[in-house]
Amino acid sequence: MAVRIRMKKMGRKHRPFFRICVMDARVQRDGKAIEEVGHYDPMVSDKARRVLLNMERVDYWLSVGAQPSEKVNALIRKVRTNKFGSASAPPPMTPPKVKETAAPAAAEASAE
């Protein structure tokens, strides 16, 4: 049996929430899971608190041959290295650029 560690989509429209589950690869995305090992909430503002993983169980499943999906693999790597990045402040507001009009050139031509 091919076992994958992947995300199961929960939540509602415009408010996603994912459970990180160990599943048979043949089961549909939101189907029955063998075990739930954590969750991922992309709507949480603090990046370090978005992911909660039971690393003990994840390591067990990886040791017996479970393959993580690409996204789950990235989350596992971030949890292990504690590198979630940080949201930088937006650049300061600047006034809009003023377009130069052709009116001064026309005024110079009529003054001559």
N, C-alpha and C. Protein backbone atom coordinates (compact mmCIF):
# COMPACT_ATOMS: atom_id res chain seq x y z
N MET A 1 0.85 -1.18 0.00
CA MET A 1 0.00 0.00 0.00
C MET A 1 0.89 1.24 0.00
N ALA A 2 0.68 2.14 -0.94
CA ALA A 2 1.43 3.39 -1.02
C ALA A 2 0.81 4.40 -0.06
N VAL A 3 1.62 4.86 0.88
CA VAL A 3 1.12 5.78 1.90
C VAL A 3 1.71 7.16 1.65
N ARG A 4 0.87 8.19 1.72
CA ARG A 4 1.29 9.57 1.50
C ARG A 4 0.93 10.40 2.73
N ILE A 5 1.74 11.41 2.98
CA ILE A 5 1.40 12.41 3.99
C ILE A 5 0.97 13.63 3.19
N ARG A 6 -0.30 13.98 3.29
CA ARG A 6 -0.82 15.07 2.48
C ARG A 6 -1.88 15.85 3.24
N MET A 7 -2.38 16.91 2.61
CA MET A 7 -3.35 17.78 3.27
C MET A 7 -4.77 17.42 2.87
N LYS A 8 -5.64 17.50 3.86
CA LYS A 8 -7.08 17.28 3.65
C LYS A 8 -7.73 18.64 3.87
N LYS A 9 -8.48 19.11 2.88
CA LYS A 9 -9.07 20.45 2.96
C LYS A 9 -10.31 20.46 3.83
N MET A 10 -10.34 21.40 4.77
CA MET A 10 -11.49 21.60 5.63
C MET A 10 -11.89 23.07 5.50
N GLY A 11 -12.64 23.57 6.44
CA GLY A 11 -12.99 24.99 6.43
C GLY A 11 -14.17 25.27 5.52
N ARG A 12 -14.21 26.50 5.03
CA ARG A 12 -15.31 26.91 4.17
C ARG A 12 -14.78 27.77 3.04
N LYS A 13 -15.67 28.33 2.25
CA LYS A 13 -15.28 29.19 1.15
C LYS A 13 -14.53 30.41 1.67
N HIS A 14 -13.43 30.75 1.06
CA HIS A 14 -12.61 31.91 1.41
C HIS A 14 -12.03 31.84 2.82
N ARG A 15 -12.08 30.69 3.45
CA ARG A 15 -11.49 30.51 4.80
C ARG A 15 -10.95 29.08 4.88
N PRO A 16 -9.85 28.80 4.14
CA PRO A 16 -9.35 27.43 4.10
C PRO A 16 -8.68 27.01 5.40
N PHE A 17 -8.72 25.72 5.64
CA PHE A 17 -8.06 25.10 6.79
C PHE A 17 -7.70 23.69 6.34
N PHE A 18 -6.51 23.25 6.64
CA PHE A 18 -6.06 21.94 6.18
C PHE A 18 -5.62 21.08 7.34
N ARG A 19 -5.99 19.81 7.31
CA ARG A 19 -5.45 18.83 8.24
C ARG A 19 -4.36 18.07 7.50
N ILE A 20 -3.24 17.86 8.16
CA ILE A 20 -2.15 17.09 7.56
C ILE A 20 -2.34 15.65 8.00
N CYS A 21 -2.57 14.78 7.04
CA CYS A 21 -2.98 13.41 7.32
C CYS A 21 -2.08 12.41 6.61
N VAL A 22 -2.02 11.22 7.20
CA VAL A 22 -1.38 10.07 6.57
C VAL A 22 -2.50 9.30 5.91
N MET A 23 -2.40 9.11 4.59
CA MET A 23 -3.48 8.48 3.83
C MET A 23 -2.92 7.51 2.81
N ASP A 24 -3.76 6.58 2.43
CA ASP A 24 -3.44 5.72 1.30
C ASP A 24 -3.48 6.60 0.06
N ALA A 25 -2.54 6.42 -0.85
CA ALA A 25 -2.44 7.28 -2.03
C ALA A 25 -3.65 7.16 -2.94
N ARG A 26 -4.39 6.06 -2.87
CA ARG A 26 -5.54 5.86 -3.75
C ARG A 26 -6.81 6.50 -3.23
N VAL A 27 -6.81 6.98 -2.01
CA VAL A 27 -8.00 7.58 -1.40
C VAL A 27 -8.15 9.01 -1.89
N GLN A 28 -9.40 9.45 -2.07
CA GLN A 28 -9.65 10.81 -2.51
C GLN A 28 -9.14 11.83 -1.50
N ARG A 29 -9.01 13.09 -1.91
CA ARG A 29 -8.39 14.13 -1.10
C ARG A 29 -9.01 14.26 0.28
N ASP A 30 -10.33 14.28 0.37
CA ASP A 30 -11.00 14.45 1.66
C ASP A 30 -11.52 13.13 2.21
N GLY A 31 -10.92 12.03 1.78
CA GLY A 31 -11.37 10.72 2.21
C GLY A 31 -10.85 10.34 3.59
N LYS A 32 -11.01 9.07 3.90
CA LYS A 32 -10.64 8.56 5.21
C LYS A 32 -9.12 8.54 5.37
N ALA A 33 -8.65 9.06 6.51
CA ALA A 33 -7.23 9.11 6.79
C ALA A 33 -6.83 7.97 7.72
N ILE A 34 -5.59 7.54 7.59
CA ILE A 34 -5.06 6.54 8.52
C ILE A 34 -4.80 7.21 9.86
N GLU A 35 -4.17 8.40 9.80
CA GLU A 35 -3.86 9.15 11.03
C GLU A 35 -3.71 10.62 10.68
N GLU A 36 -4.16 11.48 11.58
CA GLU A 36 -3.97 12.92 11.42
C GLU A 36 -2.78 13.34 12.28
N VAL A 37 -1.80 13.97 11.65
CA VAL A 37 -0.56 14.31 12.36
C VAL A 37 -0.37 15.81 12.58
N GLY A 38 -1.34 16.61 12.17
CA GLY A 38 -1.22 18.05 12.40
C GLY A 38 -2.24 18.83 11.60
N HIS A 39 -2.06 20.15 11.60
CA HIS A 39 -2.94 21.00 10.79
C HIS A 39 -2.18 22.22 10.31
N TYR A 40 -2.74 22.87 9.28
CA TYR A 40 -2.16 24.06 8.66
C TYR A 40 -3.29 25.05 8.42
N ASP A 41 -3.16 26.24 8.99
CA ASP A 41 -4.16 27.30 8.85
C ASP A 41 -3.51 28.50 8.18
N PRO A 42 -3.66 28.67 6.86
CA PRO A 42 -2.98 29.76 6.16
C PRO A 42 -3.52 31.15 6.50
N MET A 43 -4.63 31.24 7.23
CA MET A 43 -5.21 32.54 7.53
C MET A 43 -4.66 33.16 8.82
N VAL A 44 -3.86 32.43 9.58
CA VAL A 44 -3.28 32.96 10.81
C VAL A 44 -2.19 33.96 10.44
N SER A 45 -2.19 35.13 11.08
CA SER A 45 -1.25 36.18 10.69
C SER A 45 0.19 35.86 11.10
N ASP A 46 0.40 35.20 12.24
CA ASP A 46 1.74 34.84 12.69
C ASP A 46 2.17 33.57 11.95
N LYS A 47 3.19 33.70 11.09
CA LYS A 47 3.58 32.57 10.23
C LYS A 47 4.03 31.36 11.02
N ALA A 48 4.65 31.55 12.17
CA ALA A 48 5.14 30.41 12.95
C ALA A 48 3.99 29.62 13.57
N ARG A 49 2.82 30.24 13.73
CA ARG A 49 1.69 29.55 14.36
C ARG A 49 0.74 28.95 13.33
N ARG A 50 1.05 29.08 12.04
CA ARG A 50 0.18 28.53 11.01
C ARG A 50 0.20 27.01 10.98
N VAL A 51 1.35 26.43 11.32
CA VAL A 51 1.53 24.98 11.20
C VAL A 51 1.69 24.36 12.57
N LEU A 52 0.97 23.28 12.81
CA LEU A 52 1.14 22.50 14.02
C LEU A 52 1.31 21.05 13.58
N LEU A 53 2.49 20.48 13.85
CA LEU A 53 2.78 19.11 13.45
C LEU A 53 3.26 18.30 14.64
N ASN A 54 2.82 17.05 14.71
CA ASN A 54 3.35 16.11 15.68
C ASN A 54 4.56 15.46 15.01
N MET A 55 5.75 16.06 15.21
CA MET A 55 6.95 15.62 14.50
C MET A 55 7.34 14.19 14.85
N GLU A 56 7.00 13.74 16.03
CA GLU A 56 7.31 12.36 16.41
C GLU A 56 6.60 11.38 15.48
N ARG A 57 5.32 11.64 15.22
CA ARG A 57 4.54 10.76 14.34
C ARG A 57 4.96 10.93 12.88
N VAL A 58 5.26 12.17 12.49
CA VAL A 58 5.72 12.41 11.11
C VAL A 58 7.01 11.62 10.86
N ASP A 59 7.95 11.69 11.79
CA ASP A 59 9.21 10.95 11.64
C ASP A 59 8.97 9.45 11.57
N TYR A 60 8.01 8.97 12.38
CA TYR A 60 7.69 7.54 12.33
C TYR A 60 7.20 7.16 10.94
N TRP A 61 6.23 7.92 10.41
CA TRP A 61 5.66 7.56 9.11
C TRP A 61 6.68 7.69 8.00
N LEU A 62 7.57 8.68 8.08
CA LEU A 62 8.62 8.80 7.08
C LEU A 62 9.58 7.61 7.16
N SER A 63 9.82 7.11 8.38
CA SER A 63 10.75 5.99 8.55
C SER A 63 10.19 4.68 8.00
N VAL A 64 8.87 4.56 7.97
CA VAL A 64 8.28 3.33 7.43
C VAL A 64 7.91 3.46 5.95
N GLY A 65 8.30 4.57 5.32
CA GLY A 65 8.16 4.68 3.87
C GLY A 65 7.09 5.59 3.35
N ALA A 66 6.41 6.35 4.19
CA ALA A 66 5.39 7.28 3.69
C ALA A 66 6.06 8.42 2.95
N GLN A 67 5.45 8.84 1.85
CA GLN A 67 6.00 9.92 1.03
C GLN A 67 5.18 11.19 1.25
N PRO A 68 5.82 12.31 1.66
CA PRO A 68 5.07 13.55 1.82
C PRO A 68 4.81 14.21 0.47
N SER A 69 3.70 14.93 0.37
CA SER A 69 3.44 15.71 -0.84
C SER A 69 4.40 16.90 -0.86
N GLU A 70 4.46 17.62 -1.96
CA GLU A 70 5.40 18.74 -2.08
C GLU A 70 5.14 19.80 -1.02
N LYS A 71 3.89 20.18 -0.84
CA LYS A 71 3.54 21.23 0.14
C LYS A 71 3.82 20.77 1.56
N VAL A 72 3.47 19.54 1.87
CA VAL A 72 3.71 19.02 3.22
C VAL A 72 5.21 18.91 3.47
N ASN A 73 5.97 18.52 2.46
CA ASN A 73 7.42 18.43 2.60
C ASN A 73 8.01 19.81 2.93
N ALA A 74 7.51 20.85 2.28
CA ALA A 74 7.98 22.21 2.57
C ALA A 74 7.62 22.62 4.00
N LEU A 75 6.42 22.26 4.45
CA LEU A 75 6.02 22.59 5.82
C LEU A 75 6.87 21.85 6.84
N ILE A 76 7.16 20.58 6.58
CA ILE A 76 7.99 19.80 7.50
C ILE A 76 9.38 20.42 7.59
N ARG A 77 9.93 20.80 6.44
CA ARG A 77 11.26 21.43 6.42
C ARG A 77 11.26 22.73 7.21
N LYS A 78 10.22 23.54 7.08
CA LYS A 78 10.14 24.81 7.81
C LYS A 78 10.01 24.59 9.31
N VAL A 79 9.25 23.58 9.70
CA VAL A 79 9.09 23.28 11.13
C VAL A 79 10.41 22.81 11.71
N ARG A 80 11.13 21.96 10.98
CA ARG A 80 12.41 21.44 11.48
C ARG A 80 13.46 22.53 11.63
N THR A 81 13.53 23.45 10.66
CA THR A 81 14.56 24.49 10.69
C THR A 81 14.07 25.77 11.36
N ASN A 82 12.78 25.84 11.66
CA ASN A 82 12.17 27.02 12.27
C ASN A 82 12.39 28.26 11.41
N LYS A 83 12.30 28.10 10.09
CA LYS A 83 12.46 29.21 9.16
C LYS A 83 11.13 29.45 8.45
N PHE A 84 10.31 30.27 9.05
CA PHE A 84 9.00 30.56 8.47
C PHE A 84 9.00 31.87 7.71
N GLY A 85 10.09 32.65 7.82
CA GLY A 85 10.12 33.95 7.18
C GLY A 85 9.33 34.94 8.00
N SER A 86 9.37 36.17 7.61
CA SER A 86 8.61 37.18 8.31
C SER A 86 7.99 38.12 7.30
N ALA A 87 6.84 38.59 7.62
CA ALA A 87 6.16 39.53 6.75
C ALA A 87 6.76 40.91 6.99
N SER A 88 7.31 41.50 5.95
CA SER A 88 7.91 42.82 6.11
C SER A 88 6.82 43.89 5.99
N ALA A 89 7.09 45.03 6.58
CA ALA A 89 6.14 46.13 6.53
C ALA A 89 6.06 46.65 5.09
N PRO A 90 4.90 47.11 4.67
CA PRO A 90 4.79 47.63 3.31
C PRO A 90 5.59 48.92 3.17
N PRO A 91 6.01 49.26 1.96
CA PRO A 91 6.77 50.50 1.79
C PRO A 91 5.90 51.69 2.13
N PRO A 92 6.52 52.81 2.53
CA PRO A 92 5.72 53.99 2.90
C PRO A 92 4.97 54.55 1.70
N MET A 93 3.87 55.18 2.00
CA MET A 93 3.06 55.77 0.93
C MET A 93 3.78 56.97 0.33
N THR A 94 3.74 57.09 -0.97
CA THR A 94 4.34 58.24 -1.65
C THR A 94 3.24 58.91 -2.46
N PRO A 95 3.35 60.21 -2.64
CA PRO A 95 2.32 60.88 -3.42
C PRO A 95 2.39 60.44 -4.89
N PRO A 96 1.27 60.48 -5.58
CA PRO A 96 1.28 60.07 -6.98
C PRO A 96 2.11 61.02 -7.83
N LYS A 97 2.69 60.51 -8.89
CA LYS A 97 3.49 61.34 -9.79
C LYS A 97 2.57 62.23 -10.61
N VAL A 98 3.01 63.47 -10.79
CA VAL A 98 2.22 64.43 -11.56
C VAL A 98 2.68 64.37 -13.00
N LYS A 99 1.74 64.21 -13.92
CA LYS A 99 2.08 64.14 -15.33
C LYS A 99 2.32 65.55 -15.85
N GLU A 100 3.36 65.68 -16.64
CA GLU A 100 3.62 66.98 -17.26
C GLU A 100 2.67 67.14 -18.43
N THR A 101 2.05 68.29 -18.48
CA THR A 101 1.08 68.52 -19.56
C THR A 101 1.74 69.31 -20.68
N ALA A 102 1.14 69.33 -21.83
CA ALA A 102 1.66 70.03 -23.00
C ALA A 102 1.25 71.51 -22.97
N ALA A 103 0.52 71.95 -21.96
CA ALA A 103 0.04 73.32 -21.89
C ALA A 103 1.18 74.34 -21.83
N PRO A 104 2.27 74.14 -21.07
CA PRO A 104 3.34 75.14 -21.06
C PRO A 104 3.98 75.30 -22.43
N ALA A 105 4.12 74.27 -23.21
CA ALA A 105 4.71 74.40 -24.55
C ALA A 105 3.79 75.20 -25.46
N ALA A 106 2.49 75.00 -25.35
CA ALA A 106 1.54 75.73 -26.17
C ALA A 106 1.51 77.21 -25.77
N ALA A 107 1.68 77.50 -24.46
CA ALA A 107 1.69 78.87 -23.99
C ALA A 107 2.93 79.60 -24.49
N GLU A 108 4.06 78.92 -24.58
CA GLU A 108 5.29 79.52 -25.10
C GLU A 108 5.15 79.84 -26.58
N ALA A 109 4.50 78.99 -27.35
CA ALA A 109 4.33 79.19 -28.77
C ALA A 109 3.41 80.38 -29.04
N SER A 110 2.39 80.58 -28.22
CA SER A 110 1.46 81.70 -28.46
C SER A 110 2.07 83.01 -27.98
N ALA A 111 3.04 82.99 -27.05
CA ALA A 111 3.66 84.20 -26.54
C ALA A 111 4.63 84.77 -27.56
N GLU A 112 5.14 84.01 -28.48
CA GLU A 112 6.10 84.50 -29.46
C GLU A 112 5.47 85.21 -30.56
